[in-house]
Protein backbone atom coordinates (compact mmCIF):
# COMPACT_ATOMS: atom_id res chain seq x y z
CA MET A 1 6.42 -29.24 16.17
CA THR A 2 3.84 -26.48 15.82
CA ALA A 3 2.23 -26.22 12.38
CA VAL A 4 2.76 -22.82 10.76
CA ARG A 5 0.91 -21.76 7.61
CA ARG A 6 1.57 -18.60 5.63
CA LEU A 7 -1.37 -17.13 3.78
CA SER A 8 -0.58 -14.41 1.29
CA LEU A 9 -2.01 -12.76 -1.77
CA VAL A 10 -1.02 -14.66 -4.88
CA THR A 11 -0.07 -13.03 -8.16
CA ASP A 12 -0.30 -14.58 -11.61
CA GLU A 13 3.22 -15.92 -11.05
CA GLY A 14 1.90 -18.12 -8.22
CA PRO A 15 2.80 -18.34 -4.55
CA GLY A 16 6.20 -17.26 -3.36
CA PRO A 17 7.99 -15.82 -0.36
CA ALA A 18 6.58 -12.78 1.42
CA PRO A 19 7.00 -9.72 -0.80
CA GLU A 20 9.93 -7.47 -0.07
CA ARG A 21 9.16 -4.52 2.13
CA PRO A 22 8.81 -1.35 0.06
CA LYS A 23 11.41 1.31 0.76
CA GLY A 24 10.25 3.54 3.60
CA ALA A 25 7.65 1.07 4.92
CA LEU A 26 7.47 -0.28 8.44
CA ARG A 27 6.42 -3.96 8.60
CA ILE A 28 4.08 -4.65 11.51
CA ALA A 29 2.42 -7.79 12.87
CA ILE A 30 -0.94 -7.77 14.65
CA ALA A 31 -1.94 -10.64 16.97
CA THR A 32 -5.47 -11.73 16.11
CA GLN A 33 -7.92 -14.59 16.61
CA ASP A 34 -10.19 -13.71 13.68
CA MET A 35 -8.23 -11.52 11.20
CA LYS A 36 -10.62 -8.67 12.02
CA GLY A 37 -8.84 -6.92 14.85
CA LEU A 38 -6.07 -6.83 17.40
CA ASN A 39 -7.65 -9.21 19.92
CA ALA A 40 -5.08 -11.79 21.03
CA HIS A 41 -2.21 -12.38 23.42
CA PHE A 42 1.06 -13.27 21.70
CA GLY A 43 1.08 -16.89 22.86
CA SER A 44 -2.58 -17.59 22.10
CA ALA A 45 -2.84 -15.78 18.76
CA LYS A 46 -4.20 -18.07 16.04
CA PHE A 47 -2.98 -15.60 13.41
CA PHE A 48 -0.65 -12.67 12.89
CA ALA A 49 -1.81 -10.20 10.24
CA ILE A 50 1.25 -8.61 8.65
CA TYR A 51 1.11 -5.20 7.00
CA ASP A 52 3.54 -2.71 5.48
CA VAL A 53 2.77 0.78 6.77
CA THR A 54 3.94 4.17 5.47
CA PRO A 55 2.75 7.65 6.45
CA GLN A 56 0.57 7.60 3.31
CA GLY A 57 -1.10 4.20 3.70
CA SER A 58 -0.85 0.51 4.47
CA ALA A 59 -0.87 -2.73 2.55
CA PHE A 60 -1.68 -6.26 3.67
CA VAL A 61 1.33 -8.54 3.19
CA GLU A 62 0.26 -11.91 4.58
CA ALA A 63 -1.34 -13.78 7.45
CA VAL A 64 0.61 -16.34 9.44
CA SER A 65 -1.50 -19.11 11.01
CA PHE A 66 -0.60 -21.48 13.83
CA GLY A 67 -2.05 -24.93 14.48
CA GLU A 68 -1.66 -25.02 18.26
CA VAL A 69 -1.67 -22.04 20.58
CA SER A 70 -1.50 -21.47 24.36
CA ASP A 71 -4.59 -21.24 26.53
CA GLU A 72 -3.72 -17.83 28.09
CA SER A 73 -3.56 -19.43 31.57
CA GLY A 74 -0.17 -17.86 32.23
CA LYS A 75 1.29 -21.28 33.05
CA HIS A 76 4.31 -22.31 31.03
CA ARG A 77 4.62 -25.87 29.87
CA THR A 78 7.84 -27.62 30.79
CA GLU A 79 7.46 -30.49 28.35
CA GLY A 80 6.35 -30.74 24.76
CA ASP A 81 6.82 -28.51 21.76
CA ASP A 82 8.19 -25.00 21.95
CA LYS A 83 5.29 -22.85 20.71
CA ILE A 84 7.11 -19.50 20.98
CA THR A 85 10.14 -20.01 18.73
CA PRO A 86 8.08 -20.88 15.60
CA LYS A 87 6.01 -17.71 16.13
CA VAL A 88 9.11 -15.55 16.48
CA GLU A 89 10.66 -17.19 13.39
CA ALA A 90 7.46 -16.56 11.40
CA LEU A 91 7.57 -12.86 12.33
CA LYS A 92 11.20 -12.24 11.34
CA GLY A 93 11.38 -9.19 9.12
CA CYS A 94 8.64 -7.39 11.08
CA HIS A 95 9.60 -4.28 13.04
CA LEU A 96 6.64 -3.95 15.41
CA LEU A 97 4.37 -6.54 17.03
CA PHE A 98 1.01 -5.40 18.42
CA CYS A 99 -0.65 -7.72 20.96
CA LEU A 100 -2.88 -7.57 24.05
CA ALA A 101 -0.24 -9.21 26.26
CA ILE A 102 3.11 -10.96 26.03
CA GLY A 103 5.03 -12.83 28.73
CA GLY A 104 8.58 -12.00 29.71
CA PRO A 105 10.31 -15.00 28.06
CA SER A 106 8.33 -14.45 24.85
CA ALA A 107 9.09 -10.73 24.86
CA ALA A 108 12.80 -11.47 25.26
CA LYS A 109 12.74 -13.77 22.21
CA VAL A 110 10.80 -11.20 20.17
CA VAL A 111 13.19 -8.39 21.09
CA SER A 112 16.24 -10.56 20.30
CA ALA A 113 14.73 -11.04 16.81
CA LYS A 114 14.77 -7.21 16.45
CA ILE A 115 10.98 -6.95 16.71
CA HIS A 116 9.59 -4.32 19.10
CA PRO A 117 6.56 -5.67 21.02
CA ILE A 118 3.76 -3.22 21.80
CA LYS A 119 1.14 -4.21 24.36
CA VAL A 120 -2.21 -2.60 23.67
CA PRO A 121 -4.58 -2.38 26.67
CA GLN A 122 -7.76 -3.34 24.80
CA SER A 123 -8.93 -4.91 21.57
CA SER A 124 -9.17 -2.66 18.53
CA SER A 125 -9.86 -2.98 14.83
CA MET A 126 -7.10 -3.52 12.29
CA GLU A 127 -7.96 -0.11 10.83
CA GLU A 128 -7.40 1.58 14.21
CA VAL A 129 -3.97 -0.05 14.64
CA LEU A 130 -2.94 0.85 11.09
CA SER A 131 -4.23 4.42 11.45
CA ARG A 132 -2.40 4.93 14.78
CA THR A 133 0.81 3.58 13.25
CA GLN A 134 0.46 5.94 10.28
CA SER A 135 -0.13 8.86 12.66
CA MET A 136 3.03 8.01 14.60
CA LEU A 137 4.98 7.96 11.34
CA LYS A 138 3.50 11.30 10.15
CA THR A 139 4.18 13.19 13.36
CA ALA A 140 7.32 13.31 15.45
CA PRO A 141 7.78 9.63 16.36
CA PRO A 142 8.66 8.84 19.98
CA PRO A 143 12.33 7.98 20.67
CA TRP A 144 11.73 4.20 20.77
CA LEU A 145 10.04 4.34 17.35
CA ARG A 146 12.81 6.52 15.89
CA LYS A 147 15.28 3.81 16.93
CA VAL A 148 13.15 1.09 15.26
CA LEU A 149 12.81 3.23 12.12
CA ALA A 150 16.58 3.82 11.98
CA GLU A 151 17.26 0.07 12.30
CA ALA A 152 14.68 -0.58 9.57
CA GLY A 153 16.28 1.98 7.26
CA VAL A 154 13.17 4.16 7.26
CA SER A 155 13.88 7.89 7.11
CA THR A 156 12.18 10.09 9.70
CA ALA A 157 13.37 13.30 8.05
CA LYS A 158 10.56 15.63 7.03
CA PRO A 159 10.61 16.50 3.32
CA SER A 160 12.35 19.74 2.49
CA PHE A 161 10.62 22.13 0.12
CA ASP A 162 13.63 24.46 -0.13
CA ASP A 163 14.99 22.64 -3.19
CA GLU A 164 11.86 23.02 -5.30
CA ASP A 165 11.95 25.25 -8.39
């Protein structure tokens, strides 16, 4: 069985489950090798940095760490531990997954967990990923993102100023 560790900010009350997602926030996961940027394939990611993102900002939620990861060879093992299912389980509650690459079987498991995978063509900083996500939320989101937002219960309606006094 693959070892999974959850690293999160601890309050005075001590460690607990991942904090609830604030109303209107989109929870995203970023595949990373070093917690500094989006720089990993789904299967070989040592960590997933999880953030809540709104049009106004973002907040770090937790990092999920994995003991054993794939070697990015593209060859699937037929024996041994399933390394994909624990990753998908650890990401439940996220809406988007940013990674450099993801194989078909892994993508199918991620999608069935109601997580939308997004392949990014090149490495980028965490700040760039968060900023791009905020921009998508501020502007007219593409149809695929509107669907994710609707499933997440996040409103895409622009504020109305007609009701102000």
